[in-house]
N, C-alpha and C. Protein backbone atom coordinates (compact mmCIF):
# COMPACT_ATOMS: atom_id res chain seq x y z
N MET A 1 78.66 -68.32 146.75
CA MET A 1 78.27 -67.01 145.98
C MET A 1 76.67 -67.58 145.38
N ARG A 2 76.72 -68.70 145.47
CA ARG A 2 74.99 -69.14 144.76
C ARG A 2 74.03 -68.57 145.73
N ILE A 3 74.66 -68.52 147.53
CA ILE A 3 73.71 -68.20 148.56
C ILE A 3 73.37 -66.90 147.94
N ALA A 4 74.37 -65.54 147.56
CA ALA A 4 74.26 -64.41 147.62
C ALA A 4 73.17 -64.44 146.52
N SER A 5 73.43 -65.13 145.36
CA SER A 5 72.76 -64.42 144.69
C SER A 5 71.00 -65.12 144.50
N ILE A 6 70.94 -66.38 145.35
CA ILE A 6 69.68 -66.70 145.61
C ILE A 6 69.15 -65.47 146.59
N GLU A 7 70.00 -65.15 147.71
CA GLU A 7 69.71 -63.76 148.46
C GLU A 7 68.93 -62.29 147.67
N LYS A 8 69.74 -62.77 147.12
CA LYS A 8 69.44 -60.81 146.11
C LYS A 8 68.24 -61.36 145.50
N GLN A 9 67.95 -62.65 144.81
CA GLN A 9 66.89 -62.89 144.15
C GLN A 9 65.17 -62.65 145.02
N GLU A 10 65.57 -63.34 146.51
CA GLU A 10 64.66 -63.23 147.24
C GLU A 10 64.33 -61.96 147.55
N ASP A 11 65.26 -60.93 147.87
CA ASP A 11 64.86 -59.14 148.23
C ASP A 11 64.03 -58.94 147.07
N ALA A 12 64.73 -59.30 146.00
CA ALA A 12 64.04 -58.76 144.64
C ALA A 12 62.73 -59.47 144.53
N THR A 13 62.05 -60.48 144.92
CA THR A 13 60.49 -60.36 144.92
C THR A 13 60.18 -60.05 146.10
N ASP A 14 60.18 -59.87 147.26
CA ASP A 14 60.25 -59.16 148.59
C ASP A 14 59.77 -57.44 147.69
N ARG A 15 60.69 -56.99 147.34
CA ARG A 15 60.34 -55.98 146.80
C ARG A 15 59.20 -55.66 146.01
N MET A 16 58.83 -56.82 144.95
CA MET A 16 57.48 -56.78 143.96
C MET A 16 56.58 -56.55 144.60
N GLU A 17 56.65 -57.92 145.39
CA GLU A 17 55.50 -57.89 146.20
C GLU A 17 54.87 -56.54 146.80
N ILE A 18 55.59 -55.90 147.49
CA ILE A 18 55.55 -54.67 148.25
C ILE A 18 55.20 -53.34 147.35
N GLU A 19 55.67 -53.66 146.07
CA GLU A 19 55.43 -52.56 145.14
C GLU A 19 53.71 -53.48 144.41
N ILE A 20 53.31 -54.60 144.23
CA ILE A 20 52.22 -54.90 143.80
C ILE A 20 51.35 -54.73 144.67
N ALA A 21 51.75 -54.78 145.62
CA ALA A 21 50.78 -54.70 146.86
C ALA A 21 50.58 -53.11 146.92
N ARG A 22 51.28 -52.42 146.92
CA ARG A 22 51.32 -50.72 147.41
C ARG A 22 49.80 -50.46 145.77
N PHE A 23 50.45 -51.03 144.63
CA PHE A 23 49.51 -50.43 143.68
C PHE A 23 47.81 -50.79 143.50
N LEU A 24 47.92 -52.00 144.17
CA LEU A 24 46.47 -52.75 143.88
C LEU A 24 45.68 -51.96 145.56
N GLU A 25 46.56 -51.27 146.22
CA GLU A 25 45.67 -50.87 147.21
C GLU A 25 45.31 -49.09 146.95
N GLN A 26 45.98 -48.85 145.78
CA GLN A 26 45.81 -47.53 145.49
C GLN A 26 44.76 -47.54 144.59
N VAL A 27 44.62 -48.58 143.97
CA VAL A 27 43.81 -49.03 143.03
C VAL A 27 42.17 -49.13 143.99
N SER A 28 42.49 -50.11 144.59
CA SER A 28 41.23 -50.57 145.38
C SER A 28 40.90 -49.00 146.25
N ASP A 29 41.45 -47.95 146.25
CA ASP A 29 40.94 -46.65 146.63
C ASP A 29 39.27 -45.96 145.67
N ASP A 30 39.92 -46.06 144.62
CA ASP A 30 38.99 -45.80 143.75
C ASP A 30 37.53 -46.33 144.02
N HIS A 31 36.34 -46.09 143.10
CA HIS A 31 35.11 -46.17 143.16
C HIS A 31 35.00 -47.68 142.34
N LEU A 32 34.98 -48.80 143.25
CA LEU A 32 35.09 -49.70 142.02
C LEU A 32 34.00 -50.58 142.00
N SER A 33 33.42 -51.83 141.48
CA SER A 33 31.97 -52.83 141.62
C SER A 33 32.63 -53.70 142.90
N ASP A 34 31.76 -54.56 142.95
CA ASP A 34 31.93 -55.11 144.16
C ASP A 34 32.98 -56.31 143.56
N ASP A 35 32.80 -56.75 142.36
CA ASP A 35 33.61 -57.84 141.48
C ASP A 35 34.71 -57.46 141.71
N THR A 36 35.30 -56.13 141.29
CA THR A 36 36.47 -55.80 140.89
C THR A 36 37.34 -56.04 142.75
N LYS A 37 36.28 -55.52 143.39
CA LYS A 37 36.99 -55.36 144.43
C LYS A 37 37.27 -56.81 145.29
N ASN A 38 36.40 -57.77 145.17
CA ASN A 38 36.99 -59.33 144.89
C ASN A 38 38.30 -59.70 144.50
N LYS A 39 38.05 -59.27 142.87
CA LYS A 39 39.38 -60.02 142.03
C LYS A 39 40.45 -58.89 143.11
N ILE A 40 40.48 -57.85 143.52
CA ILE A 40 41.49 -57.15 144.03
C ILE A 40 41.94 -57.77 145.06
N ARG A 41 41.43 -58.50 146.09
CA ARG A 41 41.87 -59.45 147.26
C ARG A 41 42.18 -60.70 146.80
N LEU A 42 41.90 -61.35 145.63
CA LEU A 42 42.53 -62.07 145.05
C LEU A 42 43.68 -62.22 144.92
N MET A 43 44.44 -60.66 144.12
CA MET A 43 45.25 -60.56 143.55
C MET A 43 46.45 -60.47 144.89
N MET A 44 45.60 -59.70 146.30
CA MET A 44 46.55 -59.56 146.86
C MET A 44 47.11 -61.08 147.63
N ARG A 45 46.02 -61.70 147.75
CA ARG A 45 46.55 -63.12 148.35
C ARG A 45 47.59 -63.46 147.68
N GLU A 46 47.29 -63.60 145.99
CA GLU A 46 48.16 -64.50 145.05
C GLU A 46 49.67 -63.76 145.39
N ILE A 47 49.66 -62.65 145.15
CA ILE A 47 51.20 -61.92 145.31
C ILE A 47 51.71 -62.83 146.85
N GLY A 48 50.92 -62.26 147.26
CA GLY A 48 51.69 -63.14 148.79
C GLY A 48 52.15 -64.73 148.87
N GLU A 49 51.09 -65.45 148.52
CA GLU A 49 51.54 -66.80 147.89
C GLU A 49 52.74 -66.75 147.02
N LEU A 50 52.78 -65.75 145.90
CA LEU A 50 53.45 -66.15 144.78
C LEU A 50 55.44 -65.72 145.95
N GLU A 51 55.42 -64.90 146.38
CA GLU A 51 56.35 -64.51 147.45
C GLU A 51 56.71 -65.22 147.90
N SER A 52 55.99 -66.22 148.53
CA SER A 52 56.31 -66.61 149.57
C SER A 52 57.18 -68.06 148.93
N ILE A 53 56.93 -68.61 147.80
CA ILE A 53 57.01 -69.05 146.82
C ILE A 53 58.93 -69.29 146.43
N GLY A 54 58.97 -67.80 146.22
CA GLY A 54 60.27 -67.38 146.35
C GLY A 54 61.15 -67.36 147.69
N ASP A 55 60.43 -67.33 149.01
CA ASP A 55 61.51 -67.14 150.02
C ASP A 55 62.29 -68.77 149.75
N VAL A 56 63.43 -68.01 150.52
CA VAL A 56 64.05 -70.00 150.74
C VAL A 56 64.31 -69.85 152.16
N GLY A 57 64.04 -71.45 152.70
CA GLY A 57 63.42 -71.97 153.68
C GLY A 57 64.20 -71.23 154.81
């Protein structure tokens, strides 16, 4: 039962990563300053790292 709950939470973090990445990709299509583009790249890296923390070994 506990494993199913953990797997469900992992699936949720996977979906969140995908949705956030899609949003950031859409935003990055706009005309942005170099500073803002760099911030978006940093956020993309951070969501990948956060998702990997949520992964079950």
